[in-house]
């Protein structure tokens, strides 16, 4: 089991490094801030409350994070067209592009790695991943 964890951590670190290559174009962004920006990217458009929940921070802390990102030009905050009581938080086009490029590179590397497997190996590997994912 120890060997598995070592290999798994090594692979995760390599994927993280590949993903963060493009994200590192954002000057002075901490690892934690990258995580927050990634949450917003995955949600496309979110509210402060939903962001706070997923980021596991308080609403006041979420407000500070979002205001900091607004000041840096990383996110925009607009009134929700459906409900004027809520604000929509989204990444700016420039920051979306950075994340799109990062995920594109990560996907390319994944495809290259998976192409090393035979069809049978890939199907078996995929079934194992699904089984593990279902139990997490």
N, C-alpha and C. Protein backbone atom coordinates (compact mmCIF):
# COMPACT_ATOMS: atom_id res chain seq x y z
N UNK A 1 0.83 -1.20 0.00
CA UNK A 1 0.00 0.00 0.00
C UNK A 1 0.87 1.26 0.00
N UNK A 2 1.99 1.21 0.74
CA UNK A 2 2.88 2.36 0.79
C UNK A 2 3.40 2.72 -0.59
N UNK A 3 3.78 1.69 -1.37
CA UNK A 3 4.28 1.91 -2.72
C UNK A 3 3.21 2.58 -3.58
N UNK A 4 1.97 2.14 -3.46
CA UNK A 4 0.86 2.74 -4.21
C UNK A 4 0.73 4.22 -3.87
N UNK A 5 0.76 4.55 -2.59
CA UNK A 5 0.62 5.95 -2.17
C UNK A 5 1.78 6.81 -2.67
N UNK A 6 2.96 6.26 -2.67
CA UNK A 6 4.12 6.99 -3.17
C UNK A 6 3.95 7.29 -4.66
N UNK A 7 3.57 6.29 -5.42
CA UNK A 7 3.38 6.46 -6.87
C UNK A 7 2.21 7.42 -7.12
N UNK A 8 1.12 7.24 -6.39
CA UNK A 8 -0.05 8.11 -6.58
C UNK A 8 0.31 9.56 -6.28
N UNK A 9 1.02 9.80 -5.19
CA UNK A 9 1.43 11.17 -4.83
C UNK A 9 2.38 11.75 -5.87
N UNK A 10 3.26 10.92 -6.41
CA UNK A 10 4.19 11.37 -7.44
C UNK A 10 3.43 11.79 -8.70
N UNK A 11 2.47 10.98 -9.12
CA UNK A 11 1.67 11.31 -10.30
C UNK A 11 0.86 12.57 -10.06
N UNK A 12 0.25 12.68 -8.89
CA UNK A 12 -0.54 13.86 -8.56
C UNK A 12 0.33 15.11 -8.59
N UNK A 13 1.53 15.01 -8.06
CA UNK A 13 2.45 16.16 -8.04
C UNK A 13 2.83 16.57 -9.45
N UNK A 14 3.08 15.59 -10.32
CA UNK A 14 3.44 15.90 -11.71
C UNK A 14 2.28 16.57 -12.43
N UNK A 15 1.06 16.08 -12.24
CA UNK A 15 -0.10 16.70 -12.87
C UNK A 15 -0.30 18.12 -12.34
N UNK A 16 -0.11 18.28 -11.05
CA UNK A 16 -0.25 19.60 -10.45
C UNK A 16 0.78 20.57 -11.03
N UNK A 17 2.00 20.09 -11.20
CA UNK A 17 3.06 20.92 -11.76
C UNK A 17 2.73 21.33 -13.20
N UNK A 18 2.23 20.39 -13.99
CA UNK A 18 1.85 20.68 -15.38
C UNK A 18 0.73 21.71 -15.40
N UNK A 19 -0.28 21.50 -14.56
CA UNK A 19 -1.41 22.43 -14.51
C UNK A 19 -0.96 23.82 -14.09
N UNK A 20 -0.08 23.89 -13.13
CA UNK A 20 0.34 25.18 -12.58
C UNK A 20 1.33 25.95 -13.44
N UNK A 21 1.87 25.30 -14.48
CA UNK A 21 2.80 26.01 -15.37
C UNK A 21 2.16 27.28 -15.93
N UNK A 22 0.97 27.17 -16.48
CA UNK A 22 0.28 28.33 -17.05
C UNK A 22 -0.25 29.25 -15.96
N UNK A 23 -0.72 28.67 -14.88
CA UNK A 23 -1.27 29.47 -13.80
C UNK A 23 -0.19 30.37 -13.20
N UNK A 24 1.07 29.91 -13.28
CA UNK A 24 2.16 30.70 -12.72
C UNK A 24 2.36 32.01 -13.48
N UNK A 25 1.70 32.16 -14.64
CA UNK A 25 1.75 33.43 -15.37
C UNK A 25 1.08 34.54 -14.57
N UNK A 26 0.22 34.16 -13.65
CA UNK A 26 -0.44 35.14 -12.79
C UNK A 26 0.54 35.51 -11.69
N UNK A 27 0.99 36.73 -11.72
CA UNK A 27 2.01 37.15 -10.76
C UNK A 27 1.46 37.19 -9.33
N UNK A 28 2.27 36.82 -8.43
CA UNK A 28 2.02 36.86 -6.99
C UNK A 28 0.70 36.21 -6.57
N UNK A 29 0.38 35.10 -7.19
CA UNK A 29 -0.82 34.35 -6.79
C UNK A 29 -0.36 33.17 -5.95
N UNK A 30 -0.88 33.09 -4.75
CA UNK A 30 -0.52 31.99 -3.86
C UNK A 30 -1.21 30.70 -4.28
N UNK A 31 -0.76 29.59 -3.73
CA UNK A 31 -1.38 28.29 -4.02
C UNK A 31 -2.86 28.32 -3.63
N UNK A 32 -3.14 28.92 -2.49
CA UNK A 32 -4.52 29.02 -2.00
C UNK A 32 -5.38 29.85 -2.96
N UNK A 33 -4.82 30.96 -3.45
CA UNK A 33 -5.56 31.81 -4.39
C UNK A 33 -5.80 31.09 -5.71
N UNK A 34 -4.83 30.29 -6.16
CA UNK A 34 -5.02 29.48 -7.38
C UNK A 34 -6.22 28.55 -7.19
N UNK A 35 -6.30 27.97 -6.00
CA UNK A 35 -7.41 27.08 -5.70
C UNK A 35 -8.74 27.84 -5.75
N UNK A 36 -8.77 29.04 -5.20
CA UNK A 36 -10.00 29.84 -5.22
C UNK A 36 -10.38 30.22 -6.65
N UNK A 37 -9.40 30.61 -7.45
CA UNK A 37 -9.68 30.96 -8.84
C UNK A 37 -10.17 29.74 -9.62
N UNK A 38 -9.60 28.59 -9.30
CA UNK A 38 -10.02 27.35 -9.96
C UNK A 38 -11.47 27.01 -9.61
N UNK A 39 -11.86 27.26 -8.38
CA UNK A 39 -13.26 27.03 -7.97
C UNK A 39 -14.18 27.91 -8.82
N UNK A 40 -13.82 29.16 -8.95
CA UNK A 40 -14.65 30.08 -9.75
C UNK A 40 -14.66 29.64 -11.21
N UNK A 41 -13.52 29.21 -11.72
CA UNK A 41 -13.44 28.75 -13.12
C UNK A 41 -14.38 27.57 -13.34
N UNK A 42 -14.34 26.60 -12.45
CA UNK A 42 -15.17 25.41 -12.61
C UNK A 42 -16.66 25.73 -12.53
N UNK A 43 -17.03 26.72 -11.74
CA UNK A 43 -18.44 27.08 -11.58
C UNK A 43 -18.94 27.98 -12.71
N UNK A 44 -18.03 28.54 -13.49
CA UNK A 44 -18.34 29.49 -14.58
C UNK A 44 -18.86 30.81 -14.02
N UNK A 45 -19.95 30.78 -13.30
CA UNK A 45 -20.52 31.96 -12.67
C UNK A 45 -21.09 31.50 -11.33
N UNK A 46 -20.79 32.25 -10.29
CA UNK A 46 -21.21 31.80 -8.96
C UNK A 46 -21.63 32.98 -8.10
N UNK A 47 -22.23 32.66 -6.99
CA UNK A 47 -22.57 33.68 -6.00
C UNK A 47 -21.50 33.66 -4.91
N UNK A 48 -21.48 34.69 -4.13
CA UNK A 48 -20.53 34.77 -3.02
C UNK A 48 -20.76 33.63 -2.03
N UNK A 49 -22.02 33.34 -1.75
CA UNK A 49 -22.35 32.28 -0.80
C UNK A 49 -21.86 30.92 -1.29
N UNK A 50 -22.12 30.61 -2.55
CA UNK A 50 -21.69 29.32 -3.10
C UNK A 50 -20.17 29.24 -3.12
N UNK A 51 -19.50 30.33 -3.49
CA UNK A 51 -18.05 30.35 -3.49
C UNK A 51 -17.52 30.11 -2.08
N UNK A 52 -18.09 30.80 -1.10
CA UNK A 52 -17.65 30.65 0.30
C UNK A 52 -17.80 29.21 0.76
N UNK A 53 -18.93 28.58 0.40
CA UNK A 53 -19.16 27.18 0.78
C UNK A 53 -18.12 26.25 0.18
N UNK A 54 -17.88 26.38 -1.12
CA UNK A 54 -16.93 25.49 -1.80
C UNK A 54 -15.49 25.77 -1.40
N UNK A 55 -15.18 27.02 -1.13
CA UNK A 55 -13.83 27.39 -0.70
C UNK A 55 -13.61 27.10 0.78
N UNK A 56 -14.70 26.79 1.46
CA UNK A 56 -14.68 26.50 2.90
C UNK A 56 -14.11 27.68 3.70
N UNK A 57 -14.66 28.86 3.37
CA UNK A 57 -14.31 30.09 4.10
C UNK A 57 -15.60 30.78 4.52
N UNK A 58 -15.49 31.69 5.46
CA UNK A 58 -16.66 32.46 5.88
C UNK A 58 -17.06 33.44 4.79
N UNK A 59 -18.28 33.95 4.85
CA UNK A 59 -18.71 34.94 3.87
C UNK A 59 -17.86 36.22 3.92
N UNK A 60 -17.52 36.71 5.12
CA UNK A 60 -16.64 37.89 5.15
C UNK A 60 -15.27 37.62 4.51
N UNK A 61 -14.73 36.42 4.75
CA UNK A 61 -13.44 36.06 4.14
C UNK A 61 -13.60 35.95 2.63
N UNK A 62 -14.71 35.38 2.18
CA UNK A 62 -14.97 35.26 0.74
C UNK A 62 -15.07 36.64 0.11
N UNK A 63 -15.72 37.56 0.79
CA UNK A 63 -15.83 38.94 0.29
C UNK A 63 -14.44 39.56 0.13
N UNK A 64 -13.58 39.36 1.11
CA UNK A 64 -12.21 39.89 1.01
C UNK A 64 -11.45 39.27 -0.16
N UNK A 65 -11.59 37.96 -0.32
CA UNK A 65 -10.91 37.26 -1.42
C UNK A 65 -11.38 37.79 -2.76
N UNK A 66 -12.70 37.88 -2.92
CA UNK A 66 -13.27 38.34 -4.19
C UNK A 66 -12.88 39.80 -4.45
N UNK A 67 -12.94 40.64 -3.45
CA UNK A 67 -12.54 42.05 -3.64
C UNK A 67 -11.08 42.16 -4.05
N UNK A 68 -10.24 41.33 -3.48
CA UNK A 68 -8.82 41.32 -3.85
C UNK A 68 -8.67 40.91 -5.32
N UNK A 69 -9.42 39.89 -5.73
CA UNK A 69 -9.38 39.44 -7.12
C UNK A 69 -9.93 40.50 -8.07
N UNK A 70 -10.95 41.22 -7.65
CA UNK A 70 -11.50 42.31 -8.47
C UNK A 70 -10.44 43.39 -8.66
N UNK A 71 -9.77 43.75 -7.58
CA UNK A 71 -8.72 44.78 -7.65
C UNK A 71 -7.56 44.37 -8.54
N UNK A 72 -7.27 43.07 -8.58
CA UNK A 72 -6.18 42.58 -9.43
C UNK A 72 -6.65 42.39 -10.88
N UNK A 73 -7.96 42.49 -11.11
CA UNK A 73 -8.48 42.29 -12.46
C UNK A 73 -8.68 40.83 -12.83
N UNK A 74 -8.82 39.96 -11.82
CA UNK A 74 -8.99 38.53 -12.06
C UNK A 74 -10.45 38.12 -12.18
N UNK A 75 -11.34 38.82 -11.48
CA UNK A 75 -12.77 38.47 -11.50
C UNK A 75 -13.61 39.73 -11.68
N UNK A 76 -14.84 39.48 -12.11
CA UNK A 76 -15.83 40.55 -12.17
C UNK A 76 -17.00 40.16 -11.29
N UNK A 77 -17.70 41.17 -10.81
CA UNK A 77 -18.87 40.94 -9.97
C UNK A 77 -19.99 41.80 -10.55
N UNK A 78 -21.07 41.14 -10.97
CA UNK A 78 -22.22 41.84 -11.55
C UNK A 78 -23.50 41.38 -10.86
N UNK A 79 -24.51 42.21 -10.94
CA UNK A 79 -25.80 41.85 -10.37
C UNK A 79 -26.43 40.74 -11.21
N UNK A 80 -26.98 39.75 -10.51
CA UNK A 80 -27.61 38.62 -11.18
C UNK A 80 -28.83 39.09 -11.97
N UNK A 81 -28.94 38.69 -13.24
CA UNK A 81 -30.11 39.10 -14.01
C UNK A 81 -31.40 38.44 -13.52
N UNK A 82 -31.28 37.24 -12.91
CA UNK A 82 -32.46 36.52 -12.42
C UNK A 82 -32.97 37.06 -11.09
N UNK A 83 -32.04 37.44 -10.22
CA UNK A 83 -32.41 37.89 -8.88
C UNK A 83 -31.48 39.03 -8.49
N UNK A 84 -31.98 40.22 -8.48
CA UNK A 84 -31.18 41.43 -8.25
C UNK A 84 -30.53 41.47 -6.86
N UNK A 85 -30.95 40.56 -5.96
CA UNK A 85 -30.37 40.53 -4.62
C UNK A 85 -28.99 39.87 -4.61
N UNK A 86 -28.67 39.13 -5.67
CA UNK A 86 -27.42 38.38 -5.72
C UNK A 86 -26.47 38.94 -6.76
N UNK A 87 -25.19 38.73 -6.51
CA UNK A 87 -24.16 39.12 -7.47
C UNK A 87 -23.56 37.87 -8.09
N UNK A 88 -23.24 37.97 -9.37
CA UNK A 88 -22.56 36.88 -10.07
C UNK A 88 -21.07 37.18 -10.09
N UNK A 89 -20.31 36.19 -9.73
CA UNK A 89 -18.85 36.32 -9.73
C UNK A 89 -18.31 35.43 -10.85
N UNK A 90 -17.50 36.02 -11.72
CA UNK A 90 -16.92 35.29 -12.84
C UNK A 90 -15.47 35.70 -13.03
N UNK A 91 -14.69 34.81 -13.62
CA UNK A 91 -13.33 35.16 -14.00
C UNK A 91 -13.37 36.10 -15.20
N UNK A 92 -12.39 36.98 -15.28
CA UNK A 92 -12.28 37.82 -16.47
C UNK A 92 -11.83 36.93 -17.63
N UNK A 93 -12.03 37.39 -18.86
CA UNK A 93 -11.66 36.61 -20.04
C UNK A 93 -10.18 36.24 -20.03
N UNK A 94 -9.34 37.16 -19.59
CA UNK A 94 -7.90 36.92 -19.55
C UNK A 94 -7.56 35.76 -18.61
N UNK A 95 -8.20 35.73 -17.46
CA UNK A 95 -7.92 34.67 -16.48
C UNK A 95 -8.56 33.36 -16.94
N UNK A 96 -9.74 33.42 -17.54
CA UNK A 96 -10.35 32.21 -18.10
C UNK A 96 -9.40 31.57 -19.10
N UNK A 97 -8.78 32.39 -19.93
CA UNK A 97 -7.86 31.89 -20.95
C UNK A 97 -6.69 31.14 -20.31
N UNK A 98 -6.17 31.65 -19.21
CA UNK A 98 -5.07 31.00 -18.51
C UNK A 98 -5.51 29.61 -18.03
N UNK A 99 -6.71 29.52 -17.46
CA UNK A 99 -7.20 28.23 -16.98
C UNK A 99 -7.52 27.29 -18.14
N UNK A 100 -8.07 27.80 -19.22
CA UNK A 100 -8.36 26.97 -20.39
C UNK A 100 -7.06 26.37 -20.92
N UNK A 101 -6.03 27.17 -21.03
CA UNK A 101 -4.73 26.69 -21.51
C UNK A 101 -4.15 25.64 -20.55
N UNK A 102 -4.30 25.86 -19.26
CA UNK A 102 -3.79 24.91 -18.28
C UNK A 102 -4.50 23.57 -18.38
N UNK A 103 -5.82 23.59 -18.47
CA UNK A 103 -6.58 22.35 -18.59
C UNK A 103 -6.32 21.67 -19.93
N UNK A 104 -6.12 22.45 -20.98
CA UNK A 104 -5.83 21.90 -22.29
C UNK A 104 -4.50 21.14 -22.26
N UNK A 105 -3.48 21.74 -21.64
CA UNK A 105 -2.17 21.10 -21.51
C UNK A 105 -2.28 19.84 -20.66
N UNK A 106 -3.01 19.91 -19.57
CA UNK A 106 -3.20 18.75 -18.70
C UNK A 106 -3.90 17.62 -19.45
N UNK A 107 -4.92 17.96 -20.22
CA UNK A 107 -5.65 16.97 -21.01
C UNK A 107 -4.73 16.32 -22.05
N UNK A 108 -3.90 17.13 -22.67
CA UNK A 108 -2.95 16.62 -23.67
C UNK A 108 -2.00 15.60 -23.04
N UNK A 109 -1.46 15.93 -21.88
CA UNK A 109 -0.54 15.03 -21.18
C UNK A 109 -1.27 13.74 -20.77
N UNK A 110 -2.49 13.87 -20.27
CA UNK A 110 -3.27 12.68 -19.89
C UNK A 110 -3.48 11.77 -21.09
N UNK A 111 -3.84 12.37 -22.22
CA UNK A 111 -4.06 11.57 -23.43
C UNK A 111 -2.78 10.88 -23.89
N UNK A 112 -1.66 11.57 -23.77
CA UNK A 112 -0.38 10.96 -24.13
C UNK A 112 -0.07 9.78 -23.22
N UNK A 113 -0.31 9.93 -21.94
CA UNK A 113 -0.07 8.85 -20.99
C UNK A 113 -0.99 7.66 -21.26
N UNK A 114 -2.26 7.95 -21.49
CA UNK A 114 -3.22 6.88 -21.72
C UNK A 114 -2.98 6.16 -23.05
N UNK A 115 -2.37 6.86 -24.00
CA UNK A 115 -2.10 6.22 -25.30
C UNK A 115 -1.04 5.13 -25.17
N UNK A 116 -0.32 5.10 -24.06
CA UNK A 116 0.67 4.05 -23.82
C UNK A 116 0.02 2.72 -23.47
N UNK A 117 -1.25 2.76 -23.11
CA UNK A 117 -1.97 1.56 -22.70
C UNK A 117 -2.64 0.89 -23.90
N UNK A 118 -2.74 -0.43 -23.83
CA UNK A 118 -3.53 -1.14 -24.83
C UNK A 118 -5.00 -0.85 -24.55
N UNK A 119 -5.84 -1.22 -25.47
CA UNK A 119 -7.28 -1.00 -25.28
C UNK A 119 -7.77 -1.72 -24.03
N UNK A 120 -7.31 -2.94 -23.83
CA UNK A 120 -7.73 -3.72 -22.66
C UNK A 120 -7.21 -3.11 -21.37
N UNK A 121 -5.96 -2.66 -21.39
CA UNK A 121 -5.40 -2.01 -20.20
C UNK A 121 -6.16 -0.72 -19.87
N UNK A 122 -6.47 0.03 -20.91
CA UNK A 122 -7.21 1.27 -20.69
C UNK A 122 -8.58 0.99 -20.09
N UNK A 123 -9.30 0.02 -20.63
CA UNK A 123 -10.63 -0.31 -20.11
C UNK A 123 -10.55 -0.78 -18.66
N UNK A 124 -9.54 -1.58 -18.35
CA UNK A 124 -9.37 -2.06 -16.98
C UNK A 124 -9.02 -0.91 -16.04
N UNK A 125 -8.09 -0.06 -16.48
CA UNK A 125 -7.69 1.12 -15.70
C UNK A 125 -8.89 2.03 -15.45
N UNK A 126 -9.66 2.26 -16.48
CA UNK A 126 -10.86 3.12 -16.37
C UNK A 126 -11.85 2.52 -15.38
N UNK A 127 -12.06 1.22 -15.44
CA UNK A 127 -13.01 0.58 -14.52
C UNK A 127 -12.50 0.68 -13.07
N UNK A 128 -11.19 0.57 -12.87
CA UNK A 128 -10.63 0.72 -11.53
C UNK A 128 -10.83 2.14 -11.01
N UNK A 129 -10.57 3.13 -11.86
CA UNK A 129 -10.77 4.52 -11.45
C UNK A 129 -12.22 4.80 -11.09
N UNK A 130 -13.13 4.27 -11.89
CA UNK A 130 -14.56 4.46 -11.60
C UNK A 130 -14.93 3.83 -10.27
N UNK A 131 -14.42 2.66 -10.00
CA UNK A 131 -14.70 1.96 -8.75
C UNK A 131 -14.17 2.75 -7.55
N UNK A 132 -12.95 3.24 -7.68
CA UNK A 132 -12.35 4.05 -6.60
C UNK A 132 -13.15 5.32 -6.40
N UNK A 133 -13.49 5.99 -7.50
CA UNK A 133 -14.24 7.26 -7.42
C UNK A 133 -15.60 7.08 -6.77
N UNK A 134 -16.27 5.99 -7.07
CA UNK A 134 -17.59 5.71 -6.49
C UNK A 134 -17.52 5.53 -4.97
N UNK A 135 -16.38 5.11 -4.49
CA UNK A 135 -16.23 4.84 -3.06
C UNK A 135 -15.60 5.96 -2.27
N UNK A 136 -15.33 7.06 -2.92
CA UNK A 136 -14.75 8.20 -2.20
C UNK A 136 -15.84 9.11 -1.67
